[in-house]
N, C-alpha and C. Protein backbone atom coordinates (compact mmCIF):
# COMPACT_ATOMS: atom_id res chain seq x y z
N UNK A 1 65.21 78.38 98.87
CA UNK A 1 65.03 79.86 98.94
C UNK A 1 65.05 80.49 97.69
N UNK A 2 63.54 80.73 97.31
CA UNK A 2 63.56 81.52 96.12
C UNK A 2 64.30 82.95 95.88
N UNK A 3 63.89 83.76 94.50
CA UNK A 3 64.59 84.69 94.87
C UNK A 3 64.81 85.83 95.70
N UNK A 4 63.17 86.01 95.33
CA UNK A 4 63.05 87.23 96.45
C UNK A 4 63.70 87.35 97.86
N UNK A 5 63.53 85.88 98.32
CA UNK A 5 63.82 85.84 100.07
C UNK A 5 65.84 85.95 99.91
N UNK A 6 66.33 85.24 98.74
CA UNK A 6 67.41 85.35 98.75
C UNK A 6 68.02 86.88 98.57
N UNK A 7 67.09 87.83 97.57
CA UNK A 7 67.58 89.15 98.14
C UNK A 7 67.33 89.85 99.60
N UNK A 8 66.23 89.57 99.96
CA UNK A 8 66.03 89.74 101.34
C UNK A 8 67.13 89.26 102.40
N UNK A 9 67.91 88.25 102.26
CA UNK A 9 68.98 87.82 102.86
C UNK A 9 69.74 88.40 102.55
N UNK A 10 70.51 88.67 101.13
CA UNK A 10 71.21 89.41 100.93
C UNK A 10 71.32 91.26 101.52
N UNK A 11 70.63 91.30 101.99
CA UNK A 11 70.34 92.89 102.63
C UNK A 11 70.38 92.54 103.53
N UNK A 12 69.96 91.82 104.28
CA UNK A 12 70.35 92.01 105.72
C UNK A 12 71.28 91.34 106.18
N UNK A 13 72.20 90.96 105.25
CA UNK A 13 73.34 90.54 105.33
C UNK A 13 74.43 91.36 105.38
N UNK A 14 73.76 92.38 104.44
CA UNK A 14 74.75 94.14 104.49
C UNK A 14 74.69 94.37 106.03
N UNK A 15 73.65 94.34 106.86
CA UNK A 15 73.74 95.00 108.05
C UNK A 15 73.12 94.31 109.47
N UNK A 16 74.47 93.39 109.81
CA UNK A 16 74.48 92.25 110.62
C UNK A 16 73.90 92.93 111.87
N UNK A 17 73.13 92.00 112.67
CA UNK A 17 72.82 92.52 113.89
C UNK A 17 71.89 93.92 114.43
N UNK A 18 71.25 94.32 112.86
CA UNK A 18 70.63 95.30 112.94
C UNK A 18 69.27 95.39 112.79
N UNK A 19 68.12 95.40 113.85
CA UNK A 19 66.60 95.19 112.80
C UNK A 19 66.36 96.39 112.11
N UNK A 20 65.95 95.75 110.95
CA UNK A 20 65.30 96.93 109.86
C UNK A 20 64.08 96.74 109.24
N UNK A 21 62.75 97.54 109.13
CA UNK A 21 61.82 97.34 108.75
C UNK A 21 61.34 96.53 107.83
N UNK A 22 60.54 96.23 107.12
CA UNK A 22 59.53 95.76 106.40
C UNK A 22 59.76 96.70 105.23
N UNK A 23 59.30 98.01 105.34
CA UNK A 23 59.79 99.01 104.31
C UNK A 23 60.80 99.31 103.84
N UNK A 24 61.88 99.83 104.38
CA UNK A 24 63.39 99.54 104.54
C UNK A 24 63.71 98.39 103.58
N UNK A 25 63.04 97.37 103.84
CA UNK A 25 63.58 95.81 103.01
C UNK A 25 62.99 96.29 101.97
N UNK A 26 61.96 96.67 101.92
CA UNK A 26 61.61 96.35 100.35
C UNK A 26 62.07 98.00 99.39
N UNK A 27 62.49 98.78 100.29
CA UNK A 27 62.84 99.55 99.31
C UNK A 27 64.51 99.23 99.15
N UNK A 28 65.13 98.80 99.67
CA UNK A 28 66.44 98.22 99.45
C UNK A 28 67.02 97.49 98.99
N UNK A 29 66.46 96.11 99.06
CA UNK A 29 66.87 94.95 98.95
C UNK A 29 66.38 94.72 97.13
N UNK A 30 65.23 95.10 96.87
CA UNK A 30 65.50 94.90 95.25
C UNK A 30 65.44 96.24 94.25
N UNK A 31 65.37 97.19 94.71
CA UNK A 31 65.60 98.52 93.84
C UNK A 31 64.60 99.35 93.95
N UNK A 32 64.36 100.55 93.13
CA UNK A 32 63.77 101.93 93.49
C UNK A 32 62.41 101.29 92.72
N UNK A 33 62.82 100.96 91.18
CA UNK A 33 61.44 100.41 90.12
C UNK A 33 60.52 99.62 90.87
N UNK A 34 61.32 98.48 91.61
CA UNK A 34 60.36 97.36 91.72
C UNK A 34 59.46 98.08 93.28
N UNK A 35 60.25 99.11 93.88
CA UNK A 35 59.74 99.76 95.06
C UNK A 35 58.29 100.29 94.78
N UNK A 36 58.58 100.94 93.89
CA UNK A 36 57.59 102.04 93.55
C UNK A 36 56.32 101.35 92.86
N UNK A 37 56.44 100.15 92.01
CA UNK A 37 55.40 99.53 91.68
C UNK A 37 54.63 98.58 92.60
N UNK A 38 55.40 98.26 93.88
CA UNK A 38 54.50 97.15 94.74
C UNK A 38 55.79 97.39 95.87
N UNK A 39 55.34 98.52 96.62
CA UNK A 39 55.89 98.92 98.12
C UNK A 39 55.87 97.83 99.00
N UNK A 40 54.60 97.25 99.25
CA UNK A 40 55.18 96.00 100.15
C UNK A 40 55.28 94.90 99.51
N UNK A 41 56.22 94.49 98.37
CA UNK A 41 55.95 93.15 97.63
C UNK A 41 57.37 92.26 98.70
N UNK A 42 57.60 93.03 99.76
CA UNK A 42 59.04 91.94 100.82
C UNK A 42 57.92 90.98 101.73
N UNK A 43 56.52 91.37 101.88
CA UNK A 43 56.03 90.75 102.96
C UNK A 43 55.82 89.47 102.91
N UNK A 44 55.22 88.88 101.97
CA UNK A 44 55.22 87.28 102.05
C UNK A 44 56.61 86.74 102.05
N UNK A 45 57.75 86.91 101.40
CA UNK A 45 58.93 86.34 101.42
C UNK A 45 59.39 86.57 103.36
N UNK A 46 59.42 87.92 103.42
CA UNK A 46 59.79 87.70 104.96
C UNK A 46 59.27 86.66 105.49
N UNK A 47 58.08 86.32 105.84
CA UNK A 47 57.31 85.90 106.18
C UNK A 47 57.56 84.24 105.81
N UNK A 48 57.85 84.09 104.79
CA UNK A 48 58.37 83.17 104.56
C UNK A 48 59.45 82.59 105.56
N UNK A 49 60.66 83.28 105.23
CA UNK A 49 61.67 83.66 106.04
C UNK A 49 61.82 83.21 107.42
N UNK A 50 60.88 84.04 107.94
CA UNK A 50 60.41 83.60 109.64
C UNK A 50 59.77 82.26 109.45
N UNK A 51 58.93 82.04 109.25
CA UNK A 51 58.80 80.74 109.15
C UNK A 51 59.83 79.54 109.30
N UNK A 52 60.82 79.91 108.26
CA UNK A 52 61.78 79.19 108.08
C UNK A 52 62.85 79.38 108.83
N UNK A 53 62.74 79.90 110.33
CA UNK A 53 64.11 80.48 111.45
C UNK A 53 64.88 81.17 110.37
N UNK A 54 65.23 81.85 109.08
CA UNK A 54 66.70 82.25 108.62
C UNK A 54 66.54 83.35 108.97
N UNK A 55 65.11 84.40 109.58
CA UNK A 55 65.54 85.49 109.97
C UNK A 55 64.73 85.40 111.25
N UNK A 56 64.63 86.44 112.41
CA UNK A 56 64.32 86.98 112.99
C UNK A 56 63.83 88.23 113.60
N UNK A 57 62.79 88.27 114.37
CA UNK A 57 61.98 89.91 114.20
C UNK A 57 61.99 90.24 115.73
N UNK A 58 61.90 91.80 116.16
CA UNK A 58 62.39 92.04 117.52
C UNK A 58 61.19 92.30 118.33
N UNK A 59 59.54 91.53 117.70
CA UNK A 59 58.45 92.10 118.12
C UNK A 59 58.01 93.61 117.63
N UNK A 60 58.33 94.08 117.46
CA UNK A 60 57.84 95.66 116.75
C UNK A 60 57.90 95.56 114.89
N UNK A 61 57.95 94.58 114.55
CA UNK A 61 57.97 94.32 113.19
C UNK A 61 59.17 94.06 112.52
N UNK A 62 60.06 94.84 113.31
CA UNK A 62 61.47 94.90 112.35
C UNK A 62 62.33 93.30 112.52
N UNK A 63 63.25 93.08 111.20
CA UNK A 63 63.92 91.49 111.11
C UNK A 63 65.16 91.89 111.16
N UNK A 64 66.00 90.76 111.39
CA UNK A 64 66.99 90.65 111.11
C UNK A 64 67.84 89.27 111.06
N UNK A 65 68.63 89.07 110.68
CA UNK A 65 69.54 87.75 110.52
C UNK A 65 69.71 87.21 111.87
N UNK A 66 69.89 86.25 112.20
CA UNK A 66 70.14 86.03 113.71
C UNK A 66 71.81 85.89 113.72
N UNK A 67 71.96 86.75 115.25
CA UNK A 67 73.82 86.72 115.20
C UNK A 67 74.39 85.34 114.94
N UNK A 68 75.11 85.69 114.48
CA UNK A 68 76.03 83.76 114.65
C UNK A 68 77.27 84.06 115.49
N UNK A 69 77.64 82.47 115.66
CA UNK A 69 78.63 82.57 116.58
C UNK A 69 80.32 83.56 115.85
N UNK A 70 81.03 83.67 116.39
CA UNK A 70 82.17 84.08 115.86
C UNK A 70 83.06 83.33 116.04
N UNK A 71 84.04 82.61 114.86
CA UNK A 71 85.24 81.94 115.65
C UNK A 71 85.81 82.60 116.48
N UNK A 72 86.75 81.89 117.23
CA UNK A 72 87.59 82.01 118.16
C UNK A 72 88.85 83.09 117.88
N UNK A 73 89.34 83.87 118.17
CA UNK A 73 90.58 84.24 117.76
C UNK A 73 91.40 84.05 118.10
N UNK A 74 92.55 83.68 117.23
CA UNK A 74 93.58 82.80 117.30
C UNK A 74 94.71 83.63 118.49
N UNK A 75 95.91 83.42 118.77
CA UNK A 75 96.52 84.30 119.94
C UNK A 75 97.50 84.68 119.00
N UNK A 76 98.11 85.99 119.19
CA UNK A 76 99.16 86.50 118.49
C UNK A 76 100.54 86.35 119.00
N UNK A 77 101.27 86.41 118.56
CA UNK A 77 102.61 86.64 119.07
C UNK A 77 103.12 88.25 119.27
N UNK A 78 103.96 88.48 119.99
CA UNK A 78 104.39 90.02 120.05
C UNK A 78 105.47 89.72 120.45
N UNK A 79 106.37 91.11 119.69
CA UNK A 79 107.54 91.05 120.69
C UNK A 79 108.12 91.18 121.83
N UNK A 80 108.98 90.76 122.41
CA UNK A 80 109.25 90.42 123.87
C UNK A 80 109.00 91.47 124.53
N UNK A 81 109.92 92.84 124.51
CA UNK A 81 109.19 94.30 125.20
C UNK A 81 108.31 94.46 124.83
N UNK A 82 107.37 94.41 123.81
CA UNK A 82 105.95 94.60 124.41
C UNK A 82 105.24 93.46 125.25
N UNK A 83 105.44 92.44 125.35
CA UNK A 83 105.29 90.98 126.54
C UNK A 83 105.34 91.45 127.55
N UNK A 84 106.56 92.60 128.04
CA UNK A 84 106.90 92.26 128.92
C UNK A 84 105.87 93.81 129.76
N UNK A 85 105.89 94.78 128.72
CA UNK A 85 105.02 96.06 128.77
C UNK A 85 103.26 95.88 129.16
N UNK A 86 102.92 94.52 128.67
CA UNK A 86 101.87 94.41 128.57
C UNK A 86 101.22 93.66 130.32
N UNK A 87 102.48 92.83 129.89
CA UNK A 87 102.25 91.87 131.64
C UNK A 87 102.29 92.92 132.87
N UNK A 88 103.16 93.73 132.84
CA UNK A 88 103.22 94.84 133.67
C UNK A 88 102.59 95.62 134.36
N UNK A 89 101.98 95.87 132.97
CA UNK A 89 100.57 96.79 133.14
C UNK A 89 99.27 96.18 133.75
N UNK A 90 99.22 95.00 134.45
CA UNK A 90 98.10 94.04 135.01
C UNK A 90 96.75 93.69 134.15
N UNK A 91 96.48 94.10 133.01
CA UNK A 91 95.05 94.13 132.29
C UNK A 91 95.53 92.91 131.65
N UNK A 92 94.44 92.63 130.85
CA UNK A 92 93.80 91.05 130.35
C UNK A 92 93.53 91.33 129.11
N UNK A 93 94.63 90.82 128.36
CA UNK A 93 94.63 91.03 126.74
C UNK A 93 94.58 89.40 125.92
N UNK A 94 93.38 89.28 125.75
CA UNK A 94 92.54 88.01 125.32
C UNK A 94 93.37 87.29 123.63
N UNK A 95 93.93 88.43 122.76
CA UNK A 95 94.20 88.09 121.66
C UNK A 95 95.69 88.20 121.63
N UNK A 96 96.35 88.52 123.14
CA UNK A 96 97.89 88.17 122.64
C UNK A 96 98.05 87.20 124.02
N UNK A 97 98.89 86.28 123.10
CA UNK A 97 99.67 85.35 124.21
C UNK A 97 101.04 85.29 124.87
N UNK A 98 100.72 86.16 126.26
CA UNK A 98 101.69 86.48 126.91
C UNK A 98 102.71 85.62 127.68
N UNK A 99 102.38 84.37 127.37
CA UNK A 99 102.76 83.26 128.41
C UNK A 99 103.65 82.48 126.63
N UNK A 100 103.86 83.06 125.84
CA UNK A 100 104.20 82.35 124.59
C UNK A 100 105.75 82.57 124.73
N UNK A 101 106.38 81.55 124.20
CA UNK A 101 108.06 81.65 123.85
C UNK A 101 108.54 83.26 122.95
N UNK A 102 109.77 83.61 123.72
CA UNK A 102 110.12 84.21 123.15
C UNK A 102 110.52 84.32 121.40
N UNK A 103 110.32 83.30 121.32
CA UNK A 103 110.50 83.71 119.26
C UNK A 103 109.55 82.56 118.77
N UNK A 104 108.32 82.96 117.76
CA UNK A 104 107.47 81.90 117.89
C UNK A 104 107.77 80.79 116.89
N UNK A 105 109.00 80.62 116.15
CA UNK A 105 109.48 79.41 115.47
C UNK A 105 110.64 78.95 115.78
N UNK A 106 111.18 79.37 117.06
CA UNK A 106 111.84 78.85 117.65
C UNK A 106 113.03 78.66 116.84
N UNK A 107 113.78 79.81 116.47
CA UNK A 107 114.99 79.62 115.58
C UNK A 107 115.73 80.91 116.19
N UNK A 108 116.12 81.19 117.68
CA UNK A 108 116.88 81.94 118.51
C UNK A 108 116.97 83.50 117.84
N UNK A 109 117.50 84.36 117.81
CA UNK A 109 117.07 86.06 118.20
C UNK A 109 116.83 86.48 116.70
N UNK A 110 117.11 85.71 115.38
CA UNK A 110 116.67 86.44 114.70
C UNK A 110 117.91 87.31 114.11
N UNK A 111 118.80 87.85 114.59
CA UNK A 111 119.16 89.42 114.23
C UNK A 111 120.68 88.49 113.06
N UNK A 112 120.62 87.90 112.73
CA UNK A 112 121.55 87.39 111.59
C UNK A 112 122.59 87.20 112.08
N UNK A 113 123.78 86.71 111.20
CA UNK A 113 125.57 86.78 111.27
C UNK A 113 125.80 85.13 110.82
N UNK A 114 126.91 84.57 110.65
CA UNK A 114 127.72 83.90 110.31
C UNK A 114 128.45 83.37 110.92
């Protein structure tokens, strides 16, 4: 990947999932001065990125980085009284492990004492 392609990739990385016109890419990826001197400088690097399947098009001449699969979120521990309220609501809470033990570290109540 050359420097022009890297500039385009970096710019498209700032707006994930959003299709952007080539004029907008030319204007914002490299700077005002370059855009004024050569408004269509990004055409060739965009085509190379398309050929390498680094970016994708929507068919209307707009481009974006392909969406990436997000990592599965880890389940979070919650306080017992909150867990009870959530279970009673009957809704599905994917990020929260409602069936986890009450104390995630297995150390008793944690109220202190000697």
